[in-house]
Amino acid sequence: MKRLLPLIATLFAIACCAAQNLRKVPLADPFILLYDGVYYAYGTGAGSGIEVWTSRDLSTWERAKGNARDGLALHRTDVWGEKWFWAPEVYRLNDKFYMYFTAEEHICVATSDSPLGPFVQETRQPMIADEKCIDNTLFIDDDGRAYMYFDRFNDGLNIWVVELEDDCTTLKKETMRPCIHVSQEWEKVWPRVNEGCFVIRRNGTYYMTYSANSYESPFYGIGCATADSPLGPWTKYDRNPLLQNPGELVGVGHSALFRDKAGNLKIVFHAHKSKGATHPREMYITDVRFRPVEGGCRMEIDPGYSPALIAE
């Protein structure tokens, strides 16, 4: 019965949303920042840049006007690139806000004095100018060293890591190395994709969540790998995926971890609009737990997700 409770709660939430005709936040590749009592959600969706949504309870959200052009936190006129603004993440560093994002299949970083923007690049160029890469994510270890994980288009799409200088923008290219690539049966639906990772450290172990299969596939899902160092080597869970086709959702993935106001670990991810339509992808949130197992702890994602709803 306990295993059924999350599913029952999810189905009840879906029924309530349908009855009240509540709309869900149309945001793909979502990331949530908690700052000064407000949750800020960034993601893929706007053609001219990056939009931002705000909430105080993680349940109902409002589209923030932002401080940039067209009500966007980041506008293409302030950064390198003209299109394909994807997968943003925002961090408070060095008394500024840093946004790591993709533009025209190149990884970039921009800064702002406010989580609402405008995010601007002083030098308008990608972090790796001579190679297409996507989905950059930042991880700062307990010793203060910064690392960036990103997707490279070799052997399909796979995940690499590189250490950053203290400015959190300059790559130490000699440290670049591969992390994970397609290797498990559940990942081989189509095409060869490991992408959209996120890394945390817990009790000396590094946990990497990632997505596999095409984002267009209903079998897009979330897996986990662990390591004893941020540079790897990484070992995938033998019971992956952690989340795939939960409840009524399909195409779940490109997730990010965060802590809520009470300190609880959460994960935000997107799913297809419906079983028959991929776009616009929509944002969902659920809990993350660690279950003791022999030799350590295993990350688990609660299938009892909640949709992010638009405040009417």
C-alpha atoms as a PDB file:
ATOM      1  CA  MET A   1       0.000   0.000   0.000  1.00  0.00           C
ATOM      2  CA  LYS A   2       2.837   2.419   0.837  1.00  0.00           C
ATOM      3  CA  ARG A   3       4.181   2.085  -2.703  1.00  0.00           C
ATOM      4  CA  LEU A   4       0.788   3.049  -4.097  1.00  0.00           C
ATOM      5  CA  LEU A   5       0.429   6.253  -2.074  1.00  0.00           C
ATOM      6  CA  PRO A   6       2.670   8.453  -4.305  1.00  0.00           C
ATOM      7  CA  LEU A   7       0.805   7.277  -7.416  1.00  0.00           C
ATOM      8  CA  ILE A   8      -2.588   7.878  -5.786  1.00  0.00           C
ATOM      9  CA  ALA A   9      -1.513  11.381  -4.755  1.00  0.00           C
ATOM     10  CA  THR A  10      -0.289  12.128  -8.277  1.00  0.00           C
ATOM     11  CA  LEU A  11      -3.509  10.937  -9.917  1.00  0.00           C
ATOM     12  CA  PHE A  12      -5.532  13.010  -7.445  1.00  0.00           C
ATOM     13  CA  ALA A  13      -3.471  16.111  -8.281  1.00  0.00           C
ATOM     14  CA  ILE A  14      -3.980  15.532 -12.002  1.00  0.00           C
ATOM     15  CA  ALA A  15      -7.731  15.178 -11.508  1.00  0.00           C
ATOM     16  CA  CYS A  16      -7.859  18.410  -9.492  1.00  0.00           C
ATOM     17  CA  CYS A  17      -5.919  20.294 -12.168  1.00  0.00           C
ATOM     18  CA  ALA A  18      -8.266  19.082 -14.880  1.00  0.00           C
ATOM     19  CA  ALA A  19     -11.369  19.943 -12.841  1.00  0.00           C
ATOM     20  CA  GLN A  20     -10.155  23.479 -12.188  1.00  0.00           C
ATOM     21  CA  ASN A  21      -8.722  23.941 -15.689  1.00  0.00           C
ATOM     22  CA  LEU A  22      -5.384  24.998 -14.208  1.00  0.00           C
ATOM     23  CA  ARG A  23      -2.566  25.539 -16.655  1.00  0.00           C
ATOM     24  CA  LYS A  24       0.925  24.140 -16.135  1.00  0.00           C
ATOM     25  CA  VAL A  25       4.138  26.121 -16.482  1.00  0.00           C
ATOM     26  CA  PRO A  26       5.398  25.594 -20.064  1.00  0.00           C
ATOM     27  CA  LEU A  27       9.092  25.307 -19.279  1.00  0.00           C
ATOM     28  CA  ALA A  28      11.591  22.714 -20.543  1.00  0.00           C
ATOM     29  CA  ASP A  29      15.074  21.919 -19.171  1.00  0.00           C
ATOM     30  CA  PRO A  30      14.052  23.583 -15.888  1.00  0.00           C
ATOM     31  CA  PHE A  31      16.305  24.833 -13.101  1.00  0.00           C
ATOM     32  CA  ILE A  32      15.204  26.342  -9.767  1.00  0.00           C
ATOM     33  CA  LEU A  33      17.141  28.880  -7.701  1.00  0.00           C
ATOM     34  CA  LEU A  34      16.042  29.766  -4.160  1.00  0.00           C
ATOM     35  CA  TYR A  35      17.142  33.289  -3.287  1.00  0.00           C
ATOM     36  CA  ASP A  36      15.911  35.630  -0.565  1.00  0.00           C
ATOM     37  CA  GLY A  37      12.751  33.607   0.065  1.00  0.00           C
ATOM     38  CA  VAL A  38      11.719  33.409  -3.595  1.00  0.00           C
ATOM     39  CA  TYR A  39      12.015  30.480  -6.012  1.00  0.00           C
ATOM     40  CA  TYR A  40      13.185  31.409  -9.516  1.00  0.00           C
ATOM     41  CA  ALA A  41      12.615  28.905 -12.337  1.00  0.00           C
ATOM     42  CA  TYR A  42      14.579  29.229 -15.571  1.00  0.00           C
ATOM     43  CA  GLY A  43      14.298  27.045 -18.637  1.00  0.00           C
ATOM     44  CA  THR A  44      13.979  26.550 -22.376  1.00  0.00           C
ATOM     45  CA  GLY A  45      10.955  28.093 -24.028  1.00  0.00           C
ATOM     46  CA  ALA A  46      11.481  31.624 -25.342  1.00  0.00           C
ATOM     47  CA  GLY A  47      12.788  32.109 -28.865  1.00  0.00           C
ATOM     48  CA  SER A  48      14.700  35.308 -28.108  1.00  0.00           C
ATOM     49  CA  GLY A  49      16.387  34.337 -24.862  1.00  0.00           C
ATOM     50  CA  ILE A  50      15.680  32.936 -21.401  1.00  0.00           C
ATOM     51  CA  GLU A  51      12.497  33.481 -19.401  1.00  0.00           C
ATOM     52  CA  VAL A  52      12.095  33.317 -15.623  1.00  0.00           C
ATOM     53  CA  TRP A  53       9.150  32.329 -13.412  1.00  0.00           C
ATOM     54  CA  THR A  54       8.791  33.044  -9.669  1.00  0.00           C
ATOM     55  CA  SER A  55       7.025  31.342  -6.772  1.00  0.00           C
ATOM     56  CA  ARG A  56       6.978  31.407  -2.988  1.00  0.00           C
ATOM     57  CA  ASP A  57       5.513  27.933  -2.450  1.00  0.00           C
ATOM     58  CA  LEU A  58       6.749  25.788  -5.408  1.00  0.00           C
ATOM     59  CA  SER A  59       3.105  25.156  -6.342  1.00  0.00           C
ATOM     60  CA  THR A  60       1.864  28.273  -8.130  1.00  0.00           C
ATOM     61  CA  TRP A  61       4.098  30.337 -10.405  1.00  0.00           C
ATOM     62  CA  GLU A  62       4.023  33.705 -12.145  1.00  0.00           C
ATOM     63  CA  ARG A  63       5.881  34.701 -15.278  1.00  0.00           C
ATOM     64  CA  ALA A  64       8.337  37.347 -14.143  1.00  0.00           C
ATOM     65  CA  LYS A  65       8.676  40.433 -16.279  1.00  0.00           C
ATOM     66  CA  GLY A  66      12.426  40.381 -15.871  1.00  0.00           C
ATOM     67  CA  ASN A  67      14.678  43.383 -16.336  1.00  0.00           C
ATOM     68  CA  ALA A  68      15.685  42.709 -19.934  1.00  0.00           C
ATOM     69  CA  ARG A  69      13.997  43.257 -23.270  1.00  0.00           C
ATOM     70  CA  ASP A  70      10.680  41.547 -24.025  1.00  0.00           C
ATOM     71  CA  GLY A  71      10.297  40.577 -20.375  1.00  0.00           C
ATOM     72  CA  LEU A  72      13.174  38.083 -20.493  1.00  0.00           C
ATOM     73  CA  ALA A  73      15.885  37.558 -17.908  1.00  0.00           C
ATOM     74  CA  LEU A  74      18.333  37.117 -20.798  1.00  0.00           C
ATOM     75  CA  HIS A  75      17.820  38.609 -24.248  1.00  0.00           C
ATOM     76  CA  ARG A  76      19.755  37.698 -27.355  1.00  0.00           C
ATOM     77  CA  THR A  77      20.841  41.308 -27.915  1.00  0.00           C
ATOM     78  CA  ASP A  78      22.921  41.143 -24.704  1.00  0.00           C
ATOM     79  CA  VAL A  79      24.808  37.923 -25.423  1.00  0.00           C
ATOM     80  CA  TRP A  80      26.451  35.828 -28.127  1.00  0.00           C
ATOM     81  CA  GLY A  81      24.082  33.934 -30.401  1.00  0.00           C
ATOM     82  CA  GLU A  82      20.818  34.598 -32.189  1.00  0.00           C
ATOM     83  CA  LYS A  83      18.710  31.493 -31.450  1.00  0.00           C
ATOM     84  CA  TRP A  84      18.363  28.172 -29.604  1.00  0.00           C
ATOM     85  CA  PHE A  85      18.644  29.461 -26.040  1.00  0.00           C
ATOM     86  CA  TRP A  86      18.482  26.318 -23.934  1.00  0.00           C
ATOM     87  CA  ALA A  87      18.977  24.799 -20.499  1.00  0.00           C
ATOM     88  CA  PRO A  88      19.890  27.771 -18.277  1.00  0.00           C
ATOM     89  CA  GLU A  89      21.143  27.484 -14.703  1.00  0.00           C
ATOM     90  CA  VAL A  90      21.673  30.444 -12.351  1.00  0.00           C
ATOM     91  CA  TYR A  91      24.007  30.651  -9.330  1.00  0.00           C
ATOM     92  CA  ARG A  92      24.874  33.377  -6.849  1.00  0.00           C
ATOM     93  CA  LEU A  93      28.682  33.795  -7.030  1.00  0.00           C
ATOM     94  CA  ASN A  94      31.079  36.629  -6.227  1.00  0.00           C
ATOM     95  CA  ASP A  95      28.185  39.012  -5.391  1.00  0.00           C
ATOM     96  CA  LYS A  96      26.663  38.453  -8.834  1.00  0.00           C
ATOM     97  CA  PHE A  97      24.313  35.993 -10.509  1.00  0.00           C
ATOM     98  CA  TYR A  98      25.880  33.726 -13.127  1.00  0.00           C
ATOM     99  CA  MET A  99      23.725  32.129 -15.813  1.00  0.00           C
ATOM    100  CA  TYR A 100      25.147  29.105 -17.633  1.00  0.00           C
ATOM    101  CA  PHE A 101      23.206  28.414 -20.827  1.00  0.00           C
ATOM    102  CA  THR A 102      23.351  27.156 -24.403  1.00  0.00           C
ATOM    103  CA  ALA A 103      23.044  29.375 -27.482  1.00  0.00           C
ATOM    104  CA  GLU A 104      23.227  27.982 -31.008  1.00  0.00           C
ATOM    105  CA  GLU A 105      24.604  24.715 -29.587  1.00  0.00           C
ATOM    106  CA  HIS A 106      27.483  26.470 -27.817  1.00  0.00           C
ATOM    107  CA  ILE A 107      27.871  26.727 -24.033  1.00  0.00           C
ATOM    108  CA  CYS A 108      27.962  30.247 -22.608  1.00  0.00           C
ATOM    109  CA  VAL A 109      27.886  32.181 -19.336  1.00  0.00           C
ATOM    110  CA  ALA A 110      26.447  35.631 -18.579  1.00  0.00           C
ATOM    111  CA  THR A 111      26.143  37.687 -15.380  1.00  0.00           C
ATOM    112  CA  SER A 112      23.624  39.996 -13.720  1.00  0.00           C
ATOM    113  CA  ASP A 113      23.122  41.945 -10.494  1.00  0.00           C
ATOM    114  CA  SER A 114      19.622  40.464 -10.136  1.00  0.00           C
ATOM    115  CA  PRO A 115      18.112  36.985 -10.539  1.00  0.00           C
ATOM    116  CA  LEU A 116      15.588  38.652 -12.877  1.00  0.00           C
ATOM    117  CA  GLY A 117      18.353  39.914 -15.159  1.00  0.00           C
ATOM    118  CA  PRO A 118      19.346  41.399 -17.432  1.00  0.00           C
ATOM    119  CA  PHE A 119      22.050  38.767 -17.908  1.00  0.00           C
ATOM    120  CA  VAL A 120      24.825  40.163 -20.082  1.00  0.00           C
ATOM    121  CA  GLN A 121      28.112  38.947 -21.513  1.00  0.00           C
ATOM    122  CA  GLU A 122      30.857  41.556 -21.309  1.00  0.00           C
ATOM    123  CA  THR A 123      32.767  39.561 -23.908  1.00  0.00           C
ATOM    124  CA  ARG A 124      30.247  38.026 -26.293  1.00  0.00           C
ATOM    125  CA  GLN A 125      31.625  34.604 -27.057  1.00  0.00           C
ATOM    126  CA  PRO A 126      31.020  30.958 -26.092  1.00  0.00           C
ATOM    127  CA  MET A 127      33.088  29.242 -23.425  1.00  0.00           C
ATOM    128  CA  ILE A 128      34.330  26.809 -26.099  1.00  0.00           C
ATOM    129  CA  ALA A 129      34.315  28.733 -29.360  1.00  0.00           C
ATOM    130  CA  ASP A 130      35.603  26.051 -31.720  1.00  0.00           C
ATOM    131  CA  GLU A 131      33.219  23.227 -30.814  1.00  0.00           C
ATOM    132  CA  LYS A 132      29.473  22.737 -30.487  1.00  0.00           C
ATOM    133  CA  CYS A 133      28.498  21.671 -26.938  1.00  0.00           C
ATOM    134  CA  ILE A 134      25.296  21.987 -24.910  1.00  0.00           C
ATOM    135  CA  ASP A 135      23.827  21.701 -21.393  1.00  0.00           C
ATOM    136  CA  ASN A 136      26.551  23.188 -19.186  1.00  0.00           C
ATOM    137  CA  THR A 137      26.045  22.837 -15.436  1.00  0.00           C
ATOM    138  CA  LEU A 138      28.180  24.152 -12.572  1.00  0.00           C
ATOM    139  CA  PHE A 139      29.362  22.238  -9.505  1.00  0.00           C
ATOM    140  CA  ILE A 140      31.453  23.796  -6.714  1.00  0.00           C
ATOM    141  CA  ASP A 141      33.079  21.287  -4.381  1.00  0.00           C
ATOM    142  CA  ASP A 142      33.561  21.666  -0.635  1.00  0.00           C
ATOM    143  CA  ASP A 143      37.165  22.802  -1.212  1.00  0.00           C
ATOM    144  CA  GLY A 144      35.968  25.684  -3.398  1.00  0.00           C
ATOM    145  CA  ARG A 145      37.076  24.192  -6.710  1.00  0.00           C
ATOM    146  CA  ALA A 146      34.610  24.746  -9.539  1.00  0.00           C
ATOM    147  CA  TYR A 147      33.757  22.224 -12.246  1.00  0.00           C
ATOM    148  CA  MET A 148      31.595  22.453 -15.330  1.00  0.00           C
ATOM    149  CA  TYR A 149      29.845  19.436 -16.822  1.00  0.00           C
ATOM    150  CA  PHE A 150      28.547  19.614 -20.388  1.00  0.00           C
ATOM    151  CA  ASP A 151      27.500  17.531 -23.395  1.00  0.00           C
ATOM    152  CA  ARG A 152      29.814  16.888 -26.335  1.00  0.00           C
ATOM    153  CA  PHE A 153      28.732  15.653 -29.767  1.00  0.00           C
ATOM    154  CA  ASN A 154      31.109  12.698 -29.977  1.00  0.00           C
ATOM    155  CA  ASP A 155      30.010   9.063 -29.659  1.00  0.00           C
ATOM    156  CA  GLY A 156      26.498  10.455 -29.979  1.00  0.00           C
ATOM    157  CA  LEU A 157      25.860  12.952 -27.185  1.00  0.00           C
ATOM    158  CA  ASN A 158      27.789  12.295 -23.979  1.00  0.00           C
ATOM    159  CA  ILE A 159      28.836  14.049 -20.790  1.00  0.00           C
ATOM    160  CA  TRP A 160      32.260  15.551 -20.077  1.00  0.00           C
ATOM    161  CA  VAL A 161      33.747  17.587 -17.219  1.00  0.00           C
ATOM    162  CA  VAL A 162      36.338  20.341 -16.975  1.00  0.00           C
ATOM    163  CA  GLU A 163      37.706  22.246 -13.984  1.00  0.00           C
ATOM    164  CA  LEU A 164      37.227  26.030 -13.994  1.00  0.00           C
ATOM    165  CA  GLU A 165      39.453  28.866 -12.836  1.00  0.00           C
ATOM    166  CA  ASP A 166      38.386  30.872  -9.772  1.00  0.00           C
ATOM    167  CA  ASP A 167      36.338  33.196 -12.011  1.00  0.00           C
ATOM    168  CA  CYS A 168      33.998  30.247 -12.747  1.00  0.00           C
ATOM    169  CA  THR A 169      34.090  31.134 -16.449  1.00  0.00           C
ATOM    170  CA  THR A 170      37.563  30.181 -17.707  1.00  0.00           C
ATOM    171  CA  LEU A 171      38.229  26.531 -18.529  1.00  0.00           C
ATOM    172  CA  LYS A 172      41.327  24.622 -17.454  1.00  0.00           C
ATOM    173  CA  LYS A 173      41.334  22.741 -20.748  1.00  0.00           C
ATOM    174  CA  GLU A 174      44.010  20.290 -19.652  1.00  0.00           C
ATOM    175  CA  THR A 175      41.557  18.872 -17.069  1.00  0.00           C
ATOM    176  CA  MET A 176      38.812  18.065 -19.600  1.00  0.00           C
ATOM    177  CA  ARG A 177      37.778  14.413 -19.585  1.00  0.00           C
ATOM    178  CA  PRO A 178      34.778  12.170 -20.349  1.00  0.00           C
ATOM    179  CA  CYS A 179      32.297  11.136 -17.651  1.00  0.00           C
ATOM    180  CA  ILE A 180      29.561   8.900 -19.094  1.00  0.00           C
ATOM    181  CA  HIS A 181      28.206   7.780 -22.466  1.00  0.00           C
ATOM    182  CA  VAL A 182      25.382   5.499 -23.625  1.00  0.00           C
ATOM    183  CA  SER A 183      26.060   2.092 -22.064  1.00  0.00           C
ATOM    184  CA  GLN A 184      22.847   0.659 -20.570  1.00  0.00           C
ATOM    185  CA  GLU A 185      20.014  -1.037 -22.427  1.00  0.00           C
ATOM    186  CA  TRP A 186      17.314   1.417 -21.293  1.00  0.00           C
ATOM    187  CA  GLU A 187      19.347   4.243 -22.907  1.00  0.00           C
ATOM    188  CA  LYS A 188      19.409   2.688 -26.377  1.00  0.00           C
ATOM    189  CA  VAL A 189      15.900   3.511 -27.634  1.00  0.00           C
ATOM    190  CA  TRP A 190      17.147   6.309 -29.954  1.00  0.00           C
ATOM    191  CA  PRO A 191      19.488   8.057 -30.471  1.00  0.00           C
ATOM    192  CA  ARG A 192      22.804   7.759 -28.545  1.00  0.00           C
ATOM    193  CA  VAL A 193      22.174  10.353 -25.819  1.00  0.00           C
ATOM    194  CA  ASN A 194      23.429  11.005 -22.296  1.00  0.00           C
ATOM    195  CA  GLU A 195      22.714  14.653 -21.505  1.00  0.00           C
ATOM    196  CA  GLY A 196      21.410  17.278 -19.091  1.00  0.00           C
ATOM    197  CA  CYS A 197      23.368  16.199 -16.025  1.00  0.00           C
ATOM    198  CA  PHE A 198      23.443  17.686 -12.528  1.00  0.00           C
ATOM    199  CA  VAL A 199      25.973  16.908  -9.768  1.00  0.00           C
ATOM    200  CA  ILE A 200      25.803  17.052  -5.982  1.00  0.00           C
ATOM    201  CA  ARG A 201      28.037  15.743  -3.206  1.00  0.00           C
ATOM    202  CA  ARG A 202      26.686  13.862  -0.191  1.00  0.00           C
ATOM    203  CA  ASN A 203      28.778  12.205   2.535  1.00  0.00           C
ATOM    204  CA  GLY A 204      31.843  12.082   0.315  1.00  0.00           C
ATOM    205  CA  THR A 205      30.052  10.564  -2.690  1.00  0.00           C
ATOM    206  CA  TYR A 206      29.323  12.481  -5.886  1.00  0.00           C
ATOM    207  CA  TYR A 207      25.918  11.852  -7.451  1.00  0.00           C
ATOM    208  CA  MET A 208      25.224  12.695 -11.083  1.00  0.00           C
ATOM    209  CA  THR A 209      21.680  12.691 -12.431  1.00  0.00           C
ATOM    210  CA  TYR A 210      21.411  12.626 -16.218  1.00  0.00           C
ATOM    211  CA  SER A 211      18.921  11.967 -19.005  1.00  0.00           C
ATOM    212  CA  ALA A 212      19.018   9.390 -21.774  1.00  0.00           C
ATOM    213  CA  ASN A 213      17.278   8.852 -25.138  1.00  0.00           C
ATOM    214  CA  SER A 214      15.978  11.688 -27.297  1.00  0.00           C
ATOM    215  CA  TYR A 215      13.948  14.349 -25.516  1.00  0.00           C
ATOM    216  CA  GLU A 216      11.300  13.685 -28.174  1.00  0.00           C
ATOM    217  CA  SER A 217      10.966  10.063 -27.115  1.00  0.00           C
ATOM    218  CA  PRO A 218       8.313   8.975 -24.588  1.00  0.00           C
ATOM    219  CA  PHE A 219      11.121   6.861 -23.098  1.00  0.00           C
ATOM    220  CA  TYR A 220      13.266   9.869 -22.197  1.00  0.00           C
ATOM    221  CA  GLY A 221      14.211   9.224 -18.573  1.00  0.00           C
ATOM    222  CA  ILE A 222      16.498  10.042 -15.661  1.00  0.00           C
ATOM    223  CA  GLY A 223      19.402   7.903 -14.487  1.00  0.00           C
ATOM    224  CA  CYS A 224      22.108   8.267 -11.848  1.00  0.00           C
ATOM    225  CA  ALA A 225      25.853   7.655 -11.663  1.00  0.00           C
ATOM    226  CA  THR A 226      28.247   8.013  -8.718  1.00  0.00           C
ATOM    227  CA  ALA A 227      31.934   8.727  -8.212  1.00  0.00           C
ATOM    228  CA  ASP A 228      34.506   9.341  -5.485  1.00  0.00           C
ATOM    229  CA  SER A 229      35.818  12.439  -7.285  1.00  0.00           C
ATOM    230  CA  PRO A 230      34.174  15.194  -9.341  1.00  0.00           C
ATOM    231  CA  LEU A 231      36.466  14.143 -12.200  1.00  0.00           C
ATOM    232  CA  GLY A 232      35.304  10.523 -11.986  1.00  0.00           C
ATOM    233  CA  PRO A 233      35.457   7.716 -12.859  1.00  0.00           C
ATOM    234  CA  TRP A 234      31.656   7.455 -12.799  1.00  0.00           C
ATOM    235  CA  THR A 235      29.652   4.268 -12.247  1.00  0.00           C
ATOM    236  CA  LYS A 236      26.020   4.103 -13.335  1.00  0.00           C
ATOM    237  CA  TYR A 237      23.377   2.541 -11.109  1.00  0.00           C
ATOM    238  CA  ASP A 238      22.574  -0.993 -12.172  1.00  0.00           C
ATOM    239  CA  ARG A 239      18.887  -0.253 -11.505  1.00  0.00           C
ATOM    240  CA  ASN A 240      18.573   2.791 -13.753  1.00  0.00           C
ATOM    241  CA  PRO A 241      16.411   4.592 -14.720  1.00  0.00           C
ATOM    242  CA  LEU A 242      15.375   6.338 -11.511  1.00  0.00           C
ATOM    243  CA  LEU A 243      12.415   8.000 -13.245  1.00  0.00           C
ATOM    244  CA  GLN A 244      10.764   7.054 -16.531  1.00  0.00           C
ATOM    245  CA  ASN A 245       7.066   7.247 -17.481  1.00  0.00           C
ATOM    246  CA  PRO A 246       5.806   7.956 -13.937  1.00  0.00           C
ATOM    247  CA  GLY A 247       2.020   8.046 -13.596  1.00  0.00           C
ATOM    248  CA  GLU A 248       0.529   9.671 -16.696  1.00  0.00           C
ATOM    249  CA  LEU A 249       3.754  11.374 -17.818  1.00  0.00           C
ATOM    250  CA  VAL A 250       5.989  10.552 -20.758  1.00  0.00           C
ATOM    251  CA  GLY A 251       9.252  12.098 -21.917  1.00  0.00           C
ATOM    252  CA  VAL A 252      10.477  13.001 -18.427  1.00  0.00           C
ATOM    253  CA  GLY A 253      13.992  14.331 -18.049  1.00  0.00           C
ATOM    254  CA  HIS A 254      16.570  17.106 -18.112  1.00  0.00           C
ATOM    255  CA  SER A 255      16.390  17.586 -14.377  1.00  0.00           C
ATOM    256  CA  ALA A 256      18.102  19.695 -11.723  1.00  0.00           C
ATOM    257  CA  LEU A 257      18.368  19.219  -7.963  1.00  0.00           C
ATOM    258  CA  PHE A 258      17.708  21.934  -5.380  1.00  0.00           C
ATOM    259  CA  ARG A 259      16.727  22.380  -1.735  1.00  0.00           C
ATOM    260  CA  ASP A 260      13.468  23.984  -0.653  1.00  0.00           C
ATOM    261  CA  LYS A 261      13.032  26.459   2.193  1.00  0.00           C
ATOM    262  CA  ALA A 262      12.870  23.616   4.728  1.00  0.00           C
ATOM    263  CA  GLY A 263      16.110  22.115   3.429  1.00  0.00           C
ATOM    264  CA  ASN A 264      14.461  19.158   1.693  1.00  0.00           C
ATOM    265  CA  LEU A 265      16.154  17.891  -1.459  1.00  0.00           C
ATOM    266  CA  LYS A 266      13.937  18.230  -4.540  1.00  0.00           C
ATOM    267  CA  ILE A 267      14.257  17.571  -8.240  1.00  0.00           C
ATOM    268  CA  VAL A 268      12.662  19.585 -11.036  1.00  0.00           C
ATOM    269  CA  PHE A 269      12.184  18.101 -14.505  1.00  0.00           C
ATOM    270  CA  HIS A 270      10.098  18.483 -17.622  1.00  0.00           C
ATOM    271  CA  ALA A 271       7.681  16.118 -19.369  1.00  0.00           C
ATOM    272  CA  HIS A 272       5.851  16.108 -22.680  1.00  0.00           C
ATOM    273  CA  LYS A 273       2.666  18.152 -23.009  1.00  0.00           C
ATOM    274  CA  SER A 274       0.739  14.891 -23.406  1.00  0.00           C
ATOM    275  CA  LYS A 275       1.181  11.381 -24.718  1.00  0.00           C
ATOM    276  CA  GLY A 276       0.369  12.692 -28.181  1.00  0.00           C
ATOM    277  CA  ALA A 277       2.238  16.016 -28.140  1.00  0.00           C
ATOM    278  CA  THR A 278       5.806  16.828 -27.108  1.00  0.00           C
ATOM    279  CA  HIS A 279       5.532  20.637 -26.998  1.00  0.00           C
ATOM    280  CA  PRO A 280       5.246  22.764 -25.041  1.00  0.00           C
ATOM    281  CA  ARG A 281       7.024  20.695 -22.421  1.00  0.00           C
ATOM    282  CA  GLU A 282       5.911  21.320 -18.849  1.00  0.00           C
ATOM    283  CA  MET A 283       7.599  21.564 -15.451  1.00  0.00           C
ATOM    284  CA  TYR A 284       7.166  19.133 -12.539  1.00  0.00           C
ATOM    285  CA  ILE A 285       8.712  18.780  -9.075  1.00  0.00           C
ATOM    286  CA  THR A 286       9.166  15.853  -6.719  1.00  0.00           C
ATOM    287  CA  ASP A 287      11.251  14.669  -3.759  1.00  0.00           C
ATOM    288  CA  VAL A 288      14.639  12.982  -3.712  1.00  0.00           C
ATOM    289  CA  ARG A 289      15.642  10.535  -0.986  1.00  0.00           C
ATOM    290  CA  PHE A 290      18.637   8.373  -0.115  1.00  0.00           C
ATOM    291  CA  ARG A 291      18.059   4.797   0.950  1.00  0.00           C
ATOM    292  CA  PRO A 292      20.786   2.994   2.915  1.00  0.00           C
ATOM    293  CA  VAL A 293      22.246   0.040   1.003  1.00  0.00           C
ATOM    294  CA  GLU A 294      25.307  -2.090   1.481  1.00  0.00           C
ATOM    295  CA  GLY A 295      28.345   0.113   0.993  1.00  0.00           C
ATOM    296  CA  GLY A 296      26.539   3.466   1.098  1.00  0.00           C
ATOM    297  CA  CYS A 297      23.274   5.101   0.059  1.00  0.00           C
ATOM    298  CA  ARG A 298      21.216   4.930  -3.106  1.00  0.00           C
ATOM    299  CA  MET A 299      19.449   7.960  -4.568  1.00  0.00           C
ATOM    300  CA  GLU A 300      15.733   7.527  -5.215  1.00  0.00           C
ATOM    301  CA  ILE A 301      13.268   9.843  -6.967  1.00  0.00           C
ATOM    302  CA  ASP A 302       9.701   9.893  -5.641  1.00  0.00           C
ATOM    303  CA  PRO A 303       7.301   9.081  -8.516  1.00  0.00           C
ATOM    304  CA  GLY A 304       4.600  11.150  -6.772  1.00  0.00           C
ATOM    305  CA  TYR A 305       5.340  14.317  -8.728  1.00  0.00           C
ATOM    306  CA  SER A 306       3.506  17.658  -8.554  1.00  0.00           C
ATOM    307  CA  PRO A 307       2.904  19.932 -11.565  1.00  0.00           C
ATOM    308  CA  ALA A 308       4.059  23.554 -11.477  1.00  0.00           C
ATOM    309  CA  LEU A 309       0.848  25.554 -11.952  1.00  0.00           C
ATOM    310  CA  ILE A 310       0.339  29.059 -13.264  1.00  0.00           C
ATOM    311  CA  ALA A 311      -1.211  31.431 -10.741  1.00  0.00           C
ATOM    312  CA  GLU A 312      -4.468  32.714 -12.211  1.00  0.00           C
END
